[in-house]
Amino acid sequence: MMKKINNHKPILMYEIDDRKKRIFQEKMNKIDSFVSDIKSGGIGHKKILQLS
């Protein structure tokens, strides 16, 4: 999968749905970390909306 992502450089869209603010933030941090890791491989991302 990572090879395909690196080759095709898709736009990544993800949704986090959790009503508990702490759990929502933990999930957001994990996803942001993952996306930042693959971004270093040349994949761009942009956070569009973060509800607080």
C-alpha atoms as a PDB file:
ATOM      1  CA  MET A   1       0.000   0.000   0.000  1.00  0.00           C
ATOM      2  CA  MET A   2       2.755   2.464   0.890  1.00  0.00           C
ATOM      3  CA  LYS A   3       4.406   1.853  -2.483  1.00  0.00           C
ATOM      4  CA  LYS A   4       1.144   2.702  -4.270  1.00  0.00           C
ATOM      5  CA  ILE A   5       0.701   5.828  -2.159  1.00  0.00           C
ATOM      6  CA  ASN A   6       4.265   6.937  -2.899  1.00  0.00           C
ATOM      7  CA  ASN A   7       3.887   6.211  -6.622  1.00  0.00           C
ATOM      8  CA  HIS A   8       0.483   7.841  -7.146  1.00  0.00           C
ATOM      9  CA  LYS A   9       0.528  10.565  -4.447  1.00  0.00           C
ATOM     10  CA  PRO A  10      -3.240  10.613  -3.838  1.00  0.00           C
ATOM     11  CA  ILE A  11      -5.155  13.196  -1.855  1.00  0.00           C
ATOM     12  CA  LEU A  12      -5.905  11.646   1.509  1.00  0.00           C
ATOM     13  CA  MET A  13      -9.202  12.380   3.224  1.00  0.00           C
ATOM     14  CA  TYR A  14     -10.128  11.015   6.593  1.00  0.00           C
ATOM     15  CA  GLU A  15     -12.832  11.498   9.170  1.00  0.00           C
ATOM     16  CA  ILE A  16     -12.688  11.133  12.913  1.00  0.00           C
ATOM     17  CA  ASP A  17     -15.965  10.637  14.695  1.00  0.00           C
ATOM     18  CA  ASP A  18     -15.834  10.594  18.466  1.00  0.00           C
ATOM     19  CA  ARG A  19     -17.860  12.733  20.846  1.00  0.00           C
ATOM     20  CA  LYS A  20     -15.316  12.534  23.650  1.00  0.00           C
ATOM     21  CA  LYS A  21     -12.883  15.395  23.108  1.00  0.00           C
ATOM     22  CA  ARG A  22      -9.882  13.583  24.621  1.00  0.00           C
ATOM     23  CA  ILE A  23     -10.371  10.468  22.496  1.00  0.00           C
ATOM     24  CA  PHE A  24     -11.023  12.586  19.399  1.00  0.00           C
ATOM     25  CA  GLN A  25      -7.748  14.454  19.974  1.00  0.00           C
ATOM     26  CA  GLU A  26      -5.810  11.210  20.523  1.00  0.00           C
ATOM     27  CA  LYS A  27      -7.137   9.815  17.252  1.00  0.00           C
ATOM     28  CA  MET A  28      -6.373  13.076  15.432  1.00  0.00           C
ATOM     29  CA  ASN A  29      -2.806  13.069  16.763  1.00  0.00           C
ATOM     30  CA  LYS A  30      -2.239   9.463  15.648  1.00  0.00           C
ATOM     31  CA  ILE A  31      -3.549  10.156  12.153  1.00  0.00           C
ATOM     32  CA  ASP A  32      -1.587  13.410  11.867  1.00  0.00           C
ATOM     33  CA  SER A  33       1.563  11.561  12.891  1.00  0.00           C
ATOM     34  CA  PHE A  34       0.957   8.822  10.320  1.00  0.00           C
ATOM     35  CA  VAL A  35       0.217  11.319   7.548  1.00  0.00           C
ATOM     36  CA  SER A  36       3.297  13.361   8.455  1.00  0.00           C
ATOM     37  CA  ASP A  37       5.412  10.205   8.217  1.00  0.00           C
ATOM     38  CA  ILE A  38       4.179   9.413   4.728  1.00  0.00           C
ATOM     39  CA  LYS A  39       4.368  13.095   3.753  1.00  0.00           C
ATOM     40  CA  SER A  40       8.115  12.838   4.152  1.00  0.00           C
ATOM     41  CA  GLY A  41       7.879  10.400   1.248  1.00  0.00           C
ATOM     42  CA  GLY A  42       6.489  13.161  -0.975  1.00  0.00           C
ATOM     43  CA  ILE A  43       2.773  12.947  -0.213  1.00  0.00           C
ATOM     44  CA  GLY A  44       0.966  16.162   0.577  1.00  0.00           C
ATOM     45  CA  HIS A  45      -1.908  16.594   2.971  1.00  0.00           C
ATOM     46  CA  LYS A  46      -3.996  19.409   4.299  1.00  0.00           C
ATOM     47  CA  LYS A  47      -6.128  19.420   7.394  1.00  0.00           C
ATOM     48  CA  ILE A  48      -9.452  20.818   6.245  1.00  0.00           C
ATOM     49  CA  LEU A  49     -11.517  20.833   9.418  1.00  0.00           C
ATOM     50  CA  GLN A  50     -10.937  20.014  13.005  1.00  0.00           C
ATOM     51  CA  LEU A  51     -13.885  20.252  15.363  1.00  0.00           C
ATOM     52  CA  SER A  52     -13.157  20.969  18.981  1.00  0.00           C
END
